[in-house]
Amino acid sequence: ALFNILGPPEQDAVVLDLFAGTGALGLESLSRGAAHAFFVDKDPAALQSLRQNIQKLGVSSHTSILVSHAQGILPKLTGPFDWIFVDPPYYQGLYKPILDQLGSQLHLLKETTTVIVEHPRKLQEVKQPPEPHHGVLKRVDQRHYGQNSLSFYQPVLPLEEKST
């Protein structure tokens, strides 16, 4: 459902898959035409699975794996990214700090960037749930699938004026 909503990526699209795990979101982006995917994770088991999946699919030249916590790596990335996937562990209180950081890291965004957040449908169960606004990011859509939801954020336009 997610990729039907997003549609095909722009030509030469670059995606960032935070909390990548096995890399399903970034790898699916590549299979649909994205030019490059950056994967961020720090869990050794997840990284091993991610590396195996990249090798099996033969897309290593289109990928970069960054072994780090998402909050620590964001200021160091060059960007901008077309799609940013945020799928942290649900109950660790990471939604607000990550989205606040993304909403203030203007070098990671362009006017057409979409940030996609997967989270539990019942936000009251989550410490620091995603909110309607995070810095320059505004929630523009939300879809519910069973116990989970997808929230879509885009930068408030024009991005250049918000950075001054």
C-alpha atoms as a PDB file:
ATOM      1  CA  ALA A   1       0.000   0.000   0.000  1.00  0.00           C
ATOM      2  CA  LEU A   2       2.819   2.424   0.851  1.00  0.00           C
ATOM      3  CA  PHE A   3       4.392   2.399  -2.596  1.00  0.00           C
ATOM      4  CA  ASN A   4       1.013   2.651  -4.309  1.00  0.00           C
ATOM      5  CA  ILE A   5       0.489   5.886  -2.361  1.00  0.00           C
ATOM      6  CA  LEU A   6       3.977   7.220  -3.159  1.00  0.00           C
ATOM      7  CA  GLY A   7       3.947   6.233  -6.813  1.00  0.00           C
ATOM      8  CA  PRO A   8       7.193   5.889  -8.742  1.00  0.00           C
ATOM      9  CA  PRO A   9      10.227   7.779  -7.450  1.00  0.00           C
ATOM     10  CA  GLU A  10      11.555  10.798  -9.307  1.00  0.00           C
ATOM     11  CA  GLN A  11      14.409  10.205 -11.748  1.00  0.00           C
ATOM     12  CA  ASP A  12      17.697   9.937  -9.819  1.00  0.00           C
ATOM     13  CA  ALA A  13      15.790   9.741  -6.514  1.00  0.00           C
ATOM     14  CA  VAL A  14      17.798   9.213  -3.351  1.00  0.00           C
ATOM     15  CA  VAL A  15      16.133   7.617  -0.332  1.00  0.00           C
ATOM     16  CA  LEU A  16      17.069   7.418   3.324  1.00  0.00           C
ATOM     17  CA  ASP A  17      15.894   4.384   5.281  1.00  0.00           C
ATOM     18  CA  LEU A  18      16.275   5.180   8.995  1.00  0.00           C
ATOM     19  CA  PHE A  19      16.045   2.226  11.390  1.00  0.00           C
ATOM     20  CA  ALA A  20      16.461   0.132   8.237  1.00  0.00           C
ATOM     21  CA  GLY A  21      16.328  -3.339   9.740  1.00  0.00           C
ATOM     22  CA  THR A  22      16.370  -5.743   6.797  1.00  0.00           C
ATOM     23  CA  GLY A  23      16.151  -2.792   4.383  1.00  0.00           C
ATOM     24  CA  ALA A  24      12.733  -3.635   2.980  1.00  0.00           C
ATOM     25  CA  LEU A  25      11.666  -0.019   2.370  1.00  0.00           C
ATOM     26  CA  GLY A  26      14.903   1.177   0.805  1.00  0.00           C
ATOM     27  CA  LEU A  27      15.261  -1.971  -1.295  1.00  0.00           C
ATOM     28  CA  GLU A  28      11.689  -1.688  -2.542  1.00  0.00           C
ATOM     29  CA  SER A  29      12.446   1.928  -3.486  1.00  0.00           C
ATOM     30  CA  LEU A  30      15.405   0.742  -5.557  1.00  0.00           C
ATOM     31  CA  SER A  31      13.285  -1.910  -7.256  1.00  0.00           C
ATOM     32  CA  ARG A  32      10.828   0.822  -8.251  1.00  0.00           C
ATOM     33  CA  GLY A  33      13.501   3.040  -9.791  1.00  0.00           C
ATOM     34  CA  ALA A  34      15.275   5.007  -7.051  1.00  0.00           C
ATOM     35  CA  ALA A  35      18.920   5.676  -7.917  1.00  0.00           C
ATOM     36  CA  HIS A  36      20.441   5.225  -4.452  1.00  0.00           C
ATOM     37  CA  ALA A  37      19.384   4.167  -0.957  1.00  0.00           C
ATOM     38  CA  PHE A  38      21.124   5.022   2.292  1.00  0.00           C
ATOM     39  CA  PHE A  39      20.413   2.568   5.109  1.00  0.00           C
ATOM     40  CA  VAL A  40      20.908   3.514   8.764  1.00  0.00           C
ATOM     41  CA  ASP A  41      20.867   0.947  11.542  1.00  0.00           C
ATOM     42  CA  LYS A  42      23.032  -0.067  14.456  1.00  0.00           C
ATOM     43  CA  ASP A  43      21.724  -3.539  15.272  1.00  0.00           C
ATOM     44  CA  PRO A  44      24.292  -6.189  14.236  1.00  0.00           C
ATOM     45  CA  ALA A  45      21.671  -8.822  13.352  1.00  0.00           C
ATOM     46  CA  ALA A  46      19.674  -6.360  11.256  1.00  0.00           C
ATOM     47  CA  LEU A  47      22.835  -5.188   9.491  1.00  0.00           C
ATOM     48  CA  GLN A  48      23.781  -8.767   8.653  1.00  0.00           C
ATOM     49  CA  SER A  49      20.332  -9.380   7.131  1.00  0.00           C
ATOM     50  CA  LEU A  50      20.504  -6.064   5.285  1.00  0.00           C
ATOM     51  CA  ARG A  51      23.890  -6.893   3.766  1.00  0.00           C
ATOM     52  CA  GLN A  52      22.634 -10.325   2.692  1.00  0.00           C
ATOM     53  CA  ASN A  53      19.537  -8.809   1.079  1.00  0.00           C
ATOM     54  CA  ILE A  54      21.600  -6.229  -0.792  1.00  0.00           C
ATOM     55  CA  GLN A  55      23.942  -8.943  -2.040  1.00  0.00           C
ATOM     56  CA  LYS A  56      21.078 -11.245  -3.096  1.00  0.00           C
ATOM     57  CA  LEU A  57      19.471  -8.434  -5.060  1.00  0.00           C
ATOM     58  CA  GLY A  58      22.757  -7.332  -6.631  1.00  0.00           C
ATOM     59  CA  VAL A  59      22.254  -3.651  -5.786  1.00  0.00           C
ATOM     60  CA  SER A  60      25.373  -2.929  -3.748  1.00  0.00           C
ATOM     61  CA  SER A  61      26.508  -0.193  -6.149  1.00  0.00           C
ATOM     62  CA  HIS A  62      23.245   1.658  -5.419  1.00  0.00           C
ATOM     63  CA  THR A  63      23.407   1.422  -1.637  1.00  0.00           C
ATOM     64  CA  SER A  64      25.259   2.855   1.334  1.00  0.00           C
ATOM     65  CA  ILE A  65      25.060   1.328   4.793  1.00  0.00           C
ATOM     66  CA  LEU A  66      25.643   3.658   7.723  1.00  0.00           C
ATOM     67  CA  VAL A  67      26.192   1.903  11.047  1.00  0.00           C
ATOM     68  CA  SER A  68      24.858   4.440  13.497  1.00  0.00           C
ATOM     69  CA  HIS A  69      21.955   5.563  15.603  1.00  0.00           C
ATOM     70  CA  ALA A  70      19.648   7.689  13.454  1.00  0.00           C
ATOM     71  CA  GLN A  71      19.880  10.779  15.667  1.00  0.00           C
ATOM     72  CA  GLY A  72      23.670  10.731  15.567  1.00  0.00           C
ATOM     73  CA  ILE A  73      23.978  10.426  11.796  1.00  0.00           C
ATOM     74  CA  LEU A  74      21.431  12.996  10.597  1.00  0.00           C
ATOM     75  CA  PRO A  75      23.647  16.085  11.038  1.00  0.00           C
ATOM     76  CA  LYS A  76      26.463  14.328   9.163  1.00  0.00           C
ATOM     77  CA  LEU A  77      24.457  13.375   6.061  1.00  0.00           C
ATOM     78  CA  THR A  78      24.651  15.560   2.983  1.00  0.00           C
ATOM     79  CA  GLY A  79      21.222  15.042   1.417  1.00  0.00           C
ATOM     80  CA  PRO A  80      18.867  16.122   0.145  1.00  0.00           C
ATOM     81  CA  PHE A  81      16.653  13.059   0.008  1.00  0.00           C
ATOM     82  CA  ASP A  82      13.506  12.426  -1.992  1.00  0.00           C
ATOM     83  CA  TRP A  83      11.980   9.922   0.428  1.00  0.00           C
ATOM     84  CA  ILE A  84      12.907   9.450   4.085  1.00  0.00           C
ATOM     85  CA  PHE A  85      11.523   6.371   5.811  1.00  0.00           C
ATOM     86  CA  VAL A  86      11.221   6.489   9.604  1.00  0.00           C
ATOM     87  CA  ASP A  87      10.282   3.203  11.269  1.00  0.00           C
ATOM     88  CA  PRO A  88      11.822   3.205  14.765  1.00  0.00           C
ATOM     89  CA  PRO A  89      11.050   0.686  17.475  1.00  0.00           C
ATOM     90  CA  TYR A  90       7.522   1.666  18.491  1.00  0.00           C
ATOM     91  CA  TYR A  91       7.822   2.134  22.232  1.00  0.00           C
ATOM     92  CA  GLN A  92      11.194   3.835  22.703  1.00  0.00           C
ATOM     93  CA  GLY A  93      10.041   7.450  22.397  1.00  0.00           C
ATOM     94  CA  LEU A  94      11.980   8.149  19.177  1.00  0.00           C
ATOM     95  CA  TYR A  95       9.280   9.618  16.932  1.00  0.00           C
ATOM     96  CA  LYS A  96       9.271  13.193  18.198  1.00  0.00           C
ATOM     97  CA  PRO A  97      13.059  13.619  18.526  1.00  0.00           C
ATOM     98  CA  ILE A  98      13.751  12.109  15.092  1.00  0.00           C
ATOM     99  CA  LEU A  99      11.017  14.112  13.358  1.00  0.00           C
ATOM    100  CA  ASP A 100      12.033  17.306  15.174  1.00  0.00           C
ATOM    101  CA  GLN A 101      15.596  16.729  14.039  1.00  0.00           C
ATOM    102  CA  LEU A 102      14.535  16.036  10.446  1.00  0.00           C
ATOM    103  CA  GLY A 103      12.364  19.142  10.494  1.00  0.00           C
ATOM    104  CA  SER A 104      15.355  21.277  11.456  1.00  0.00           C
ATOM    105  CA  GLN A 105      18.004  19.654   9.215  1.00  0.00           C
ATOM    106  CA  LEU A 106      17.179  21.628   6.092  1.00  0.00           C
ATOM    107  CA  HIS A 107      20.157  20.225   4.201  1.00  0.00           C
ATOM    108  CA  LEU A 108      18.370  16.841   4.185  1.00  0.00           C
ATOM    109  CA  LEU A 109      15.202  18.201   2.604  1.00  0.00           C
ATOM    110  CA  LYS A 110      14.044  19.681  -0.643  1.00  0.00           C
ATOM    111  CA  GLU A 111      10.627  21.058  -1.459  1.00  0.00           C
ATOM    112  CA  THR A 112       9.426  17.689  -2.793  1.00  0.00           C
ATOM    113  CA  THR A 113      10.814  15.483   0.001  1.00  0.00           C
ATOM    114  CA  THR A 114       8.330  13.102   1.602  1.00  0.00           C
ATOM    115  CA  VAL A 115       9.005  11.727   5.076  1.00  0.00           C
ATOM    116  CA  ILE A 116       7.076   8.530   5.747  1.00  0.00           C
ATOM    117  CA  VAL A 117       6.605   7.417   9.352  1.00  0.00           C
ATOM    118  CA  GLU A 118       5.267   4.028  10.393  1.00  0.00           C
ATOM    119  CA  HIS A 119       3.762   3.990  13.886  1.00  0.00           C
ATOM    120  CA  PRO A 120       1.088   2.290  15.990  1.00  0.00           C
ATOM    121  CA  ARG A 121      -2.432   3.416  15.214  1.00  0.00           C
ATOM    122  CA  LYS A 122      -3.152   4.143  18.901  1.00  0.00           C
ATOM    123  CA  LEU A 123      -0.783   7.049  19.436  1.00  0.00           C
ATOM    124  CA  GLN A 124      -1.688   7.375  23.108  1.00  0.00           C
ATOM    125  CA  GLU A 125       0.260   4.135  23.627  1.00  0.00           C
ATOM    126  CA  VAL A 126       3.458   5.670  22.216  1.00  0.00           C
ATOM    127  CA  LYS A 127       5.868   7.883  24.132  1.00  0.00           C
ATOM    128  CA  GLN A 128       6.289  11.105  22.150  1.00  0.00           C
ATOM    129  CA  PRO A 129       4.124  10.201  19.116  1.00  0.00           C
ATOM    130  CA  PRO A 130       4.454  11.923  15.749  1.00  0.00           C
ATOM    131  CA  GLU A 131       2.674  15.272  15.794  1.00  0.00           C
ATOM    132  CA  PRO A 132       1.106  17.315  12.964  1.00  0.00           C
ATOM    133  CA  HIS A 133       4.176  19.619  12.717  1.00  0.00           C
ATOM    134  CA  HIS A 134       7.887  19.060  13.324  1.00  0.00           C
ATOM    135  CA  GLY A 135       9.989  22.073  12.375  1.00  0.00           C
ATOM    136  CA  VAL A 136       9.403  22.711   8.677  1.00  0.00           C
ATOM    137  CA  LEU A 137       7.681  19.329   8.282  1.00  0.00           C
ATOM    138  CA  LYS A 138       3.893  19.187   8.159  1.00  0.00           C
ATOM    139  CA  ARG A 139       1.807  16.016   8.166  1.00  0.00           C
ATOM    140  CA  VAL A 140      -0.062  15.988   4.858  1.00  0.00           C
ATOM    141  CA  ASP A 141      -1.667  12.548   5.000  1.00  0.00           C
ATOM    142  CA  GLN A 142      -2.236   9.664   7.378  1.00  0.00           C
ATOM    143  CA  ARG A 143      -3.428   6.143   6.546  1.00  0.00           C
ATOM    144  CA  HIS A 144      -4.419   3.351   8.904  1.00  0.00           C
ATOM    145  CA  TYR A 145      -3.798  -0.355   8.309  1.00  0.00           C
ATOM    146  CA  GLY A 146      -4.936  -2.626  11.129  1.00  0.00           C
ATOM    147  CA  GLN A 147      -2.904  -1.783  14.243  1.00  0.00           C
ATOM    148  CA  ASN A 148      -0.418   0.387  12.308  1.00  0.00           C
ATOM    149  CA  SER A 149      -0.518   3.772  10.624  1.00  0.00           C
ATOM    150  CA  LEU A 150       1.534   5.647   8.068  1.00  0.00           C
ATOM    151  CA  SER A 151       1.994   9.391   8.437  1.00  0.00           C
ATOM    152  CA  PHE A 152       3.317  11.404   5.494  1.00  0.00           C
ATOM    153  CA  TYR A 153       5.165  14.675   6.044  1.00  0.00           C
ATOM    154  CA  GLN A 154       6.403  17.282   3.598  1.00  0.00           C
ATOM    155  CA  PRO A 155       8.315  20.516   4.105  1.00  0.00           C
ATOM    156  CA  VAL A 156       6.298  23.694   4.395  1.00  0.00           C
ATOM    157  CA  LEU A 157       6.934  25.749   1.292  1.00  0.00           C
ATOM    158  CA  PRO A 158       8.951  27.652   0.374  1.00  0.00           C
ATOM    159  CA  LEU A 159      11.713  25.794   2.167  1.00  0.00           C
ATOM    160  CA  GLU A 160      14.347  28.500   1.597  1.00  0.00           C
ATOM    161  CA  GLU A 161      12.352  31.127   3.517  1.00  0.00           C
ATOM    162  CA  LYS A 162      11.918  28.834   6.533  1.00  0.00           C
ATOM    163  CA  SER A 163      15.680  28.381   6.880  1.00  0.00           C
ATOM    164  CA  THR A 164      16.426  32.080   7.477  1.00  0.00           C
END
